[in-house]
N, C-alpha and C. Protein backbone atom coordinates (compact mmCIF):
# COMPACT_ATOMS: atom_id res chain seq x y z
N MET A 1 -146.00 87.13 112.77
CA MET A 1 -146.49 86.20 113.76
C MET A 1 -146.16 84.78 113.29
N ILE A 2 -145.75 83.95 114.25
CA ILE A 2 -145.51 82.54 113.95
C ILE A 2 -146.38 81.67 114.86
N ILE A 3 -146.71 80.50 114.35
CA ILE A 3 -147.40 79.47 115.11
C ILE A 3 -146.38 78.35 115.28
N ARG A 4 -146.19 77.91 116.53
CA ARG A 4 -145.18 76.88 116.80
C ARG A 4 -145.59 76.07 118.02
N PRO A 5 -144.97 74.89 118.18
CA PRO A 5 -145.24 74.11 119.41
C PRO A 5 -144.78 74.87 120.65
N ALA A 6 -145.54 74.76 121.71
CA ALA A 6 -145.18 75.39 122.98
C ALA A 6 -143.92 74.75 123.55
N THR A 7 -143.13 75.56 124.22
CA THR A 7 -141.94 75.07 124.92
C THR A 7 -142.07 75.42 126.40
N ALA A 8 -141.24 74.82 127.21
CA ALA A 8 -141.28 75.07 128.65
C ALA A 8 -141.19 76.56 128.96
N GLY A 9 -140.45 77.30 128.16
CA GLY A 9 -140.30 78.73 128.38
C GLY A 9 -141.57 79.54 128.14
N ASP A 10 -142.59 78.92 127.52
CA ASP A 10 -143.86 79.59 127.27
C ASP A 10 -144.86 79.45 128.42
N ALA A 11 -144.55 78.62 129.39
CA ALA A 11 -145.54 78.25 130.41
C ALA A 11 -146.07 79.45 131.19
N ALA A 12 -145.22 80.35 131.60
CA ALA A 12 -145.69 81.51 132.37
C ALA A 12 -146.59 82.40 131.52
N ALA A 13 -146.24 82.58 130.25
CA ALA A 13 -147.06 83.42 129.36
C ALA A 13 -148.41 82.77 129.10
N VAL A 14 -148.45 81.47 128.90
CA VAL A 14 -149.71 80.77 128.68
C VAL A 14 -150.58 80.87 129.93
N ALA A 15 -149.98 80.68 131.10
CA ALA A 15 -150.73 80.82 132.35
C ALA A 15 -151.29 82.24 132.49
N ALA A 16 -150.51 83.24 132.10
CA ALA A 16 -150.96 84.63 132.21
C ALA A 16 -152.13 84.93 131.28
N ILE A 17 -152.22 84.22 130.16
CA ILE A 17 -153.35 84.37 129.24
C ILE A 17 -154.55 83.58 129.75
N TRP A 18 -154.31 82.36 130.22
CA TRP A 18 -155.39 81.44 130.57
C TRP A 18 -156.06 81.80 131.90
N ASN A 19 -155.28 82.17 132.90
CA ASN A 19 -155.85 82.38 134.24
C ASN A 19 -156.90 83.49 134.32
N PRO A 20 -156.75 84.62 133.63
CA PRO A 20 -157.84 85.60 133.66
C PRO A 20 -159.14 85.06 133.03
N ILE A 21 -159.02 84.21 132.02
CA ILE A 21 -160.21 83.59 131.42
C ILE A 21 -160.86 82.68 132.45
N ILE A 22 -160.05 81.91 133.17
CA ILE A 22 -160.57 81.03 134.23
C ILE A 22 -161.23 81.85 135.32
N ASP A 23 -160.58 82.92 135.75
CA ASP A 23 -161.06 83.72 136.88
C ASP A 23 -162.29 84.57 136.55
N GLU A 24 -162.34 85.10 135.33
CA GLU A 24 -163.30 86.18 135.05
C GLU A 24 -164.38 85.85 134.04
N SER A 25 -164.30 84.70 133.36
CA SER A 25 -165.26 84.47 132.28
C SER A 25 -165.96 83.12 132.41
N ALA A 26 -167.03 83.00 131.67
CA ALA A 26 -167.76 81.74 131.58
C ALA A 26 -167.31 80.94 130.35
N ALA A 27 -166.21 81.32 129.73
CA ALA A 27 -165.71 80.59 128.57
C ALA A 27 -165.23 79.19 128.96
N THR A 28 -164.86 79.03 130.20
CA THR A 28 -164.50 77.72 130.73
C THR A 28 -165.24 77.55 132.05
N PHE A 29 -165.61 76.32 132.36
CA PHE A 29 -166.35 76.08 133.60
C PHE A 29 -165.42 75.86 134.79
N THR A 30 -164.13 75.64 134.55
CA THR A 30 -163.22 75.38 135.65
C THR A 30 -162.93 76.64 136.45
N ASN A 31 -162.58 76.45 137.70
CA ASN A 31 -162.08 77.56 138.51
C ASN A 31 -160.67 77.24 139.01
N LEU A 32 -160.06 76.19 138.46
CA LEU A 32 -158.71 75.79 138.85
C LEU A 32 -157.70 76.49 137.96
N ARG A 33 -156.90 77.36 138.56
CA ARG A 33 -155.90 78.13 137.82
C ARG A 33 -154.78 77.23 137.29
N LYS A 34 -154.19 77.65 136.20
CA LYS A 34 -153.08 76.93 135.59
C LYS A 34 -151.77 77.40 136.23
N THR A 35 -150.85 76.46 136.41
CA THR A 35 -149.53 76.80 136.93
C THR A 35 -148.50 76.55 135.82
N PRO A 36 -147.40 77.29 135.85
CA PRO A 36 -146.35 77.02 134.86
C PRO A 36 -145.87 75.57 134.90
N GLU A 37 -145.77 74.99 136.08
CA GLU A 37 -145.30 73.61 136.19
C GLU A 37 -146.29 72.64 135.54
N GLY A 38 -147.56 72.84 135.80
CA GLY A 38 -148.58 71.99 135.19
C GLY A 38 -148.62 72.14 133.68
N LEU A 39 -148.45 73.37 133.22
CA LEU A 39 -148.44 73.61 131.78
C LEU A 39 -147.21 73.00 131.12
N GLN A 40 -146.07 73.07 131.77
CA GLN A 40 -144.87 72.44 131.21
C GLN A 40 -145.10 70.94 131.04
N ALA A 41 -145.77 70.31 131.99
CA ALA A 41 -146.09 68.88 131.86
C ALA A 41 -147.04 68.65 130.69
N ASP A 42 -148.04 69.54 130.52
CA ASP A 42 -148.95 69.42 129.37
C ASP A 42 -148.20 69.57 128.06
N PHE A 43 -147.31 70.55 127.99
CA PHE A 43 -146.53 70.75 126.76
C PHE A 43 -145.74 69.49 126.42
N ALA A 44 -145.08 68.92 127.43
CA ALA A 44 -144.26 67.73 127.20
C ALA A 44 -145.12 66.54 126.75
N ALA A 45 -146.30 66.40 127.36
CA ALA A 45 -147.17 65.27 127.04
C ALA A 45 -147.80 65.42 125.65
N ARG A 46 -148.14 66.63 125.26
CA ARG A 46 -148.86 66.83 124.00
C ARG A 46 -147.95 67.16 122.83
N GLY A 47 -146.74 67.62 123.09
CA GLY A 47 -145.81 67.92 122.01
C GLY A 47 -146.40 68.90 121.01
N PRO A 48 -146.39 68.52 119.71
CA PRO A 48 -146.88 69.45 118.69
C PRO A 48 -148.40 69.67 118.73
N ALA A 49 -149.08 69.01 119.64
CA ALA A 49 -150.52 69.23 119.80
C ALA A 49 -150.81 70.36 120.79
N PHE A 50 -149.79 71.12 121.18
CA PHE A 50 -149.98 72.32 122.01
C PHE A 50 -149.22 73.44 121.32
N LEU A 51 -149.95 74.30 120.65
CA LEU A 51 -149.37 75.35 119.83
C LEU A 51 -149.54 76.72 120.47
N VAL A 52 -148.58 77.60 120.21
CA VAL A 52 -148.70 79.00 120.62
C VAL A 52 -148.54 79.89 119.39
N ALA A 53 -149.17 81.05 119.46
CA ALA A 53 -148.95 82.10 118.47
C ALA A 53 -148.01 83.10 119.14
N GLU A 54 -146.95 83.42 118.44
CA GLU A 54 -145.94 84.33 118.99
C GLU A 54 -145.69 85.46 118.01
N GLU A 55 -145.54 86.67 118.56
CA GLU A 55 -145.23 87.83 117.75
C GLU A 55 -144.25 88.71 118.54
N ALA A 56 -143.15 89.02 117.92
CA ALA A 56 -142.13 89.87 118.55
C ALA A 56 -141.73 89.34 119.93
N GLY A 57 -141.64 88.01 120.04
CA GLY A 57 -141.22 87.39 121.29
C GLY A 57 -142.30 87.25 122.34
N LEU A 58 -143.53 87.67 122.04
CA LEU A 58 -144.63 87.59 122.99
C LEU A 58 -145.64 86.53 122.57
N VAL A 59 -146.09 85.71 123.52
CA VAL A 59 -147.13 84.73 123.25
C VAL A 59 -148.47 85.45 123.26
N LEU A 60 -149.21 85.32 122.15
CA LEU A 60 -150.49 86.00 121.99
C LEU A 60 -151.68 85.11 122.35
N GLY A 61 -151.49 83.80 122.22
CA GLY A 61 -152.56 82.85 122.47
C GLY A 61 -152.07 81.45 122.23
N PHE A 62 -152.98 80.49 122.42
CA PHE A 62 -152.59 79.09 122.25
C PHE A 62 -153.78 78.25 121.84
N ALA A 63 -153.49 77.08 121.32
CA ALA A 63 -154.50 76.08 120.99
C ALA A 63 -153.89 74.71 121.24
N THR A 64 -154.71 73.80 121.72
CA THR A 64 -154.25 72.45 122.00
C THR A 64 -155.38 71.46 121.79
N PHE A 65 -155.03 70.21 121.58
CA PHE A 65 -156.06 69.18 121.53
C PHE A 65 -155.65 67.98 122.37
N PHE A 66 -156.66 67.15 122.66
CA PHE A 66 -156.49 65.97 123.50
C PHE A 66 -157.61 65.01 123.14
N GLN A 67 -157.47 63.76 123.50
CA GLN A 67 -158.48 62.77 123.17
C GLN A 67 -159.82 63.16 123.79
N PHE A 68 -160.90 63.05 123.01
CA PHE A 68 -162.24 63.47 123.44
C PHE A 68 -162.70 62.72 124.68
N ARG A 69 -162.54 61.42 124.70
CA ARG A 69 -162.86 60.58 125.85
C ARG A 69 -161.79 59.49 125.92
N GLY A 70 -161.67 58.87 127.09
CA GLY A 70 -160.67 57.83 127.27
C GLY A 70 -161.03 56.56 126.50
N GLY A 71 -160.04 55.74 126.29
CA GLY A 71 -160.24 54.45 125.65
C GLY A 71 -159.87 54.46 124.18
N PRO A 72 -159.50 53.29 123.67
CA PRO A 72 -159.02 53.20 122.29
C PRO A 72 -160.07 53.52 121.23
N GLY A 73 -161.33 53.31 121.54
CA GLY A 73 -162.38 53.60 120.56
C GLY A 73 -162.51 55.08 120.23
N TYR A 74 -161.96 55.95 121.07
CA TYR A 74 -162.03 57.39 120.85
C TYR A 74 -160.70 57.98 120.37
N ALA A 75 -159.77 57.15 120.03
CA ALA A 75 -158.41 57.62 119.72
C ALA A 75 -158.36 58.61 118.56
N LYS A 76 -159.29 58.56 117.65
CA LYS A 76 -159.28 59.44 116.47
C LYS A 76 -160.26 60.61 116.60
N THR A 77 -160.84 60.77 117.78
CA THR A 77 -161.76 61.87 118.05
C THR A 77 -161.14 62.75 119.12
N LEU A 78 -160.97 64.01 118.79
CA LEU A 78 -160.24 64.93 119.67
C LEU A 78 -161.13 66.09 120.10
N GLU A 79 -160.77 66.67 121.23
CA GLU A 79 -161.38 67.91 121.71
C GLU A 79 -160.27 68.94 121.79
N HIS A 80 -160.62 70.20 121.63
CA HIS A 80 -159.58 71.23 121.65
C HIS A 80 -159.96 72.40 122.55
N THR A 81 -158.94 73.18 122.83
CA THR A 81 -159.06 74.45 123.54
C THR A 81 -158.29 75.48 122.73
N VAL A 82 -158.87 76.64 122.57
CA VAL A 82 -158.17 77.76 121.95
C VAL A 82 -158.48 79.00 122.78
N ILE A 83 -157.43 79.70 123.18
CA ILE A 83 -157.59 80.89 124.02
C ILE A 83 -156.60 81.95 123.55
N LEU A 84 -157.11 83.17 123.45
CA LEU A 84 -156.30 84.30 123.00
C LEU A 84 -156.18 85.33 124.10
N GLY A 85 -155.02 85.96 124.15
CA GLY A 85 -154.85 87.11 125.02
C GLY A 85 -155.53 88.32 124.39
N PRO A 86 -155.77 89.37 125.18
CA PRO A 86 -156.48 90.55 124.67
C PRO A 86 -155.85 91.17 123.41
N ALA A 87 -154.53 91.18 123.32
CA ALA A 87 -153.86 91.80 122.17
C ALA A 87 -154.06 91.02 120.88
N ALA A 88 -154.50 89.78 120.96
CA ALA A 88 -154.65 88.93 119.77
C ALA A 88 -156.06 88.94 119.20
N ARG A 89 -157.02 89.36 119.96
CA ARG A 89 -158.43 89.23 119.55
C ARG A 89 -158.75 90.15 118.37
N GLY A 90 -159.51 89.58 117.42
CA GLY A 90 -159.94 90.34 116.25
C GLY A 90 -158.89 90.52 115.19
N ARG A 91 -157.79 89.78 115.27
CA ARG A 91 -156.68 89.94 114.31
C ARG A 91 -156.45 88.70 113.47
N GLY A 92 -157.30 87.69 113.59
CA GLY A 92 -157.11 86.46 112.82
C GLY A 92 -156.18 85.46 113.47
N VAL A 93 -155.72 85.76 114.69
CA VAL A 93 -154.79 84.88 115.39
C VAL A 93 -155.47 83.55 115.72
N GLY A 94 -156.71 83.62 116.19
CA GLY A 94 -157.43 82.39 116.52
C GLY A 94 -157.60 81.49 115.32
N ARG A 95 -157.94 82.05 114.18
CA ARG A 95 -158.09 81.26 112.96
C ARG A 95 -156.77 80.62 112.57
N ARG A 96 -155.68 81.37 112.66
CA ARG A 96 -154.38 80.80 112.30
C ARG A 96 -153.99 79.68 113.25
N LEU A 97 -154.24 79.88 114.53
CA LEU A 97 -153.97 78.80 115.49
C LEU A 97 -154.81 77.56 115.17
N MET A 98 -156.09 77.77 114.92
CA MET A 98 -156.97 76.63 114.65
C MET A 98 -156.61 75.94 113.34
N ASP A 99 -156.25 76.68 112.31
CA ASP A 99 -155.82 76.06 111.05
C ASP A 99 -154.61 75.17 111.29
N ALA A 100 -153.63 75.67 112.04
CA ALA A 100 -152.44 74.88 112.34
C ALA A 100 -152.78 73.68 113.21
N LEU A 101 -153.68 73.88 114.18
CA LEU A 101 -154.05 72.79 115.07
C LEU A 101 -154.79 71.69 114.30
N MET A 102 -155.69 72.09 113.40
CA MET A 102 -156.42 71.09 112.61
C MET A 102 -155.47 70.34 111.68
N GLU A 103 -154.50 71.03 111.14
CA GLU A 103 -153.51 70.36 110.29
C GLU A 103 -152.70 69.35 111.10
N GLU A 104 -152.32 69.70 112.30
CA GLU A 104 -151.60 68.76 113.17
C GLU A 104 -152.49 67.57 113.51
N ALA A 105 -153.74 67.82 113.80
CA ALA A 105 -154.67 66.72 114.12
C ALA A 105 -154.82 65.79 112.92
N ARG A 106 -154.97 66.36 111.73
CA ARG A 106 -155.06 65.52 110.52
C ARG A 106 -153.79 64.68 110.37
N GLY A 107 -152.65 65.32 110.58
CA GLY A 107 -151.38 64.61 110.47
C GLY A 107 -151.25 63.47 111.46
N GLN A 108 -151.92 63.56 112.58
CA GLN A 108 -151.91 62.49 113.57
C GLN A 108 -153.04 61.48 113.34
N GLY A 109 -153.77 61.64 112.23
CA GLY A 109 -154.80 60.67 111.87
C GLY A 109 -156.16 60.90 112.51
N ALA A 110 -156.41 62.09 113.02
CA ALA A 110 -157.70 62.36 113.65
C ALA A 110 -158.82 62.37 112.62
N HIS A 111 -159.98 61.91 113.05
CA HIS A 111 -161.17 61.89 112.20
C HIS A 111 -162.04 63.13 112.42
N SER A 112 -162.18 63.55 113.68
CA SER A 112 -162.98 64.74 113.96
C SER A 112 -162.46 65.46 115.18
N LEU A 113 -162.86 66.72 115.26
CA LEU A 113 -162.43 67.59 116.34
C LEU A 113 -163.68 68.20 116.96
N PHE A 114 -163.75 68.17 118.28
CA PHE A 114 -164.86 68.75 119.03
C PHE A 114 -164.44 70.03 119.72
N ALA A 115 -165.42 70.93 119.84
CA ALA A 115 -165.30 72.11 120.68
C ALA A 115 -166.40 72.01 121.72
N GLY A 116 -166.05 72.15 122.99
CA GLY A 116 -167.04 72.25 124.06
C GLY A 116 -167.10 73.71 124.46
N VAL A 117 -168.18 74.40 124.07
CA VAL A 117 -168.28 75.85 124.24
C VAL A 117 -169.40 76.17 125.23
N SER A 118 -169.12 77.04 126.16
CA SER A 118 -170.15 77.49 127.09
C SER A 118 -171.30 78.10 126.29
N GLY A 119 -172.53 77.76 126.69
CA GLY A 119 -173.69 78.34 126.05
C GLY A 119 -173.74 79.85 126.18
N GLU A 120 -173.02 80.40 127.14
CA GLU A 120 -172.96 81.85 127.33
C GLU A 120 -171.90 82.52 126.46
N ASN A 121 -171.12 81.73 125.75
CA ASN A 121 -170.01 82.26 124.96
C ASN A 121 -170.43 82.36 123.49
N ALA A 122 -171.27 83.35 123.19
CA ALA A 122 -171.77 83.53 121.82
C ALA A 122 -170.63 83.75 120.83
N ALA A 123 -169.59 84.47 121.25
CA ALA A 123 -168.45 84.72 120.35
C ALA A 123 -167.73 83.41 120.03
N GLY A 124 -167.58 82.53 121.02
CA GLY A 124 -166.93 81.24 120.80
C GLY A 124 -167.74 80.36 119.86
N ILE A 125 -169.05 80.38 120.00
CA ILE A 125 -169.92 79.60 119.12
C ILE A 125 -169.81 80.13 117.69
N ALA A 126 -169.86 81.45 117.52
CA ALA A 126 -169.76 82.05 116.19
C ALA A 126 -168.39 81.79 115.56
N PHE A 127 -167.33 81.86 116.37
CA PHE A 127 -165.98 81.59 115.87
C PHE A 127 -165.89 80.17 115.31
N HIS A 128 -166.37 79.21 116.07
CA HIS A 128 -166.29 77.82 115.61
C HIS A 128 -167.17 77.58 114.40
N ALA A 129 -168.35 78.18 114.36
CA ALA A 129 -169.22 78.05 113.18
C ALA A 129 -168.51 78.59 111.94
N ALA A 130 -167.82 79.71 112.08
CA ALA A 130 -167.09 80.29 110.95
C ALA A 130 -165.97 79.38 110.46
N LEU A 131 -165.46 78.52 111.35
CA LEU A 131 -164.41 77.56 110.98
C LEU A 131 -164.99 76.26 110.43
N GLY A 132 -166.31 76.15 110.34
CA GLY A 132 -166.94 74.96 109.78
C GLY A 132 -167.37 73.94 110.81
N PHE A 133 -167.36 74.31 112.10
CA PHE A 133 -167.87 73.42 113.14
C PHE A 133 -169.39 73.53 113.15
N THR A 134 -170.03 72.41 113.42
CA THR A 134 -171.48 72.34 113.48
C THR A 134 -171.92 71.99 114.89
N GLU A 135 -172.94 72.66 115.39
CA GLU A 135 -173.48 72.30 116.70
C GLU A 135 -174.15 70.94 116.60
N VAL A 136 -173.70 70.01 117.44
CA VAL A 136 -174.26 68.65 117.41
C VAL A 136 -175.01 68.31 118.69
N ALA A 137 -174.82 69.10 119.74
CA ALA A 137 -175.54 68.85 120.99
C ALA A 137 -175.48 70.09 121.87
N ARG A 138 -176.52 70.24 122.65
CA ARG A 138 -176.56 71.28 123.68
C ARG A 138 -176.97 70.56 124.96
N LEU A 139 -176.05 70.55 125.92
CA LEU A 139 -176.28 69.86 127.18
C LEU A 139 -176.70 70.89 128.22
N PRO A 140 -177.97 70.89 128.60
CA PRO A 140 -178.46 71.93 129.51
C PRO A 140 -177.89 71.78 130.92
N GLU A 141 -177.47 72.92 131.45
CA GLU A 141 -177.09 73.05 132.86
C GLU A 141 -176.11 71.97 133.34
N VAL A 142 -175.05 71.73 132.56
CA VAL A 142 -174.04 70.75 132.99
C VAL A 142 -172.81 71.41 133.61
N GLY A 143 -172.65 72.72 133.41
CA GLY A 143 -171.53 73.44 134.00
C GLY A 143 -172.04 74.38 135.08
N PHE A 144 -171.27 74.50 136.17
CA PHE A 144 -171.66 75.39 137.26
C PHE A 144 -170.49 76.29 137.58
N LYS A 145 -170.72 77.59 137.50
CA LYS A 145 -169.68 78.57 137.79
C LYS A 145 -170.37 79.90 138.09
N PHE A 146 -169.75 80.70 138.92
CA PHE A 146 -170.29 82.01 139.30
C PHE A 146 -171.69 81.90 139.90
N GLY A 147 -171.97 80.78 140.57
CA GLY A 147 -173.24 80.60 141.24
C GLY A 147 -174.42 80.29 140.34
N ARG A 148 -174.15 79.89 139.10
CA ARG A 148 -175.25 79.58 138.19
C ARG A 148 -174.90 78.38 137.30
N TRP A 149 -175.93 77.74 136.82
CA TRP A 149 -175.79 76.62 135.89
C TRP A 149 -175.70 77.15 134.47
N MET A 150 -174.86 76.50 133.65
CA MET A 150 -174.67 76.91 132.26
C MET A 150 -174.73 75.70 131.34
N ASP A 151 -175.19 75.97 130.12
CA ASP A 151 -175.25 74.93 129.10
C ASP A 151 -173.87 74.74 128.48
N LEU A 152 -173.64 73.53 127.97
CA LEU A 152 -172.45 73.22 127.20
C LEU A 152 -172.90 72.93 125.77
N VAL A 153 -172.32 73.63 124.81
CA VAL A 153 -172.61 73.41 123.41
C VAL A 153 -171.46 72.60 122.82
N LEU A 154 -171.78 71.43 122.27
CA LEU A 154 -170.76 70.62 121.59
C LEU A 154 -170.84 70.89 120.11
N MET A 155 -169.69 71.24 119.54
CA MET A 155 -169.58 71.52 118.11
C MET A 155 -168.53 70.59 117.54
N GLN A 156 -168.75 70.11 116.33
CA GLN A 156 -167.88 69.11 115.73
C GLN A 156 -167.51 69.51 114.31
N LYS A 157 -166.28 69.17 113.95
CA LYS A 157 -165.82 69.33 112.57
C LYS A 157 -165.11 68.05 112.16
N PHE A 158 -165.53 67.49 111.04
CA PHE A 158 -164.84 66.33 110.50
C PHE A 158 -163.63 66.81 109.73
N LEU A 159 -162.52 66.15 110.00
CA LEU A 159 -161.26 66.58 109.39
C LEU A 159 -160.97 65.83 108.10
């Protein structure tokens, strides 16, 4: 398995991994599906800050980061997304993606990295805790999906 920056040719595979998570889970609060064209624009804008895990020519998952909030005062504080396809879960792929993503963030001068995790995503909270992220806030009922309100857990790791 290799971890590398996403290319335009990965867009359909990333969409195929991300859209079922959007459609079927509370791991993300959005209901807006990803398109290959939109993802290609994200890849171009983020460059090495959008990574994929690939094995035998197949994309298994991805991780990316972006500025936590707008404005120059937040330039060194980042938020990330990490999503794995079913074949990657439980194999250490997420950890490898996150290790590479944190290294890229450090190389770009980032001070800290945030995870915004659905309060219903116990596995996501445990995953981030195992990587050294600490829960710094729980925002009650800020996300709405599937006809119900959900908490957002903010977790932070200083790089």
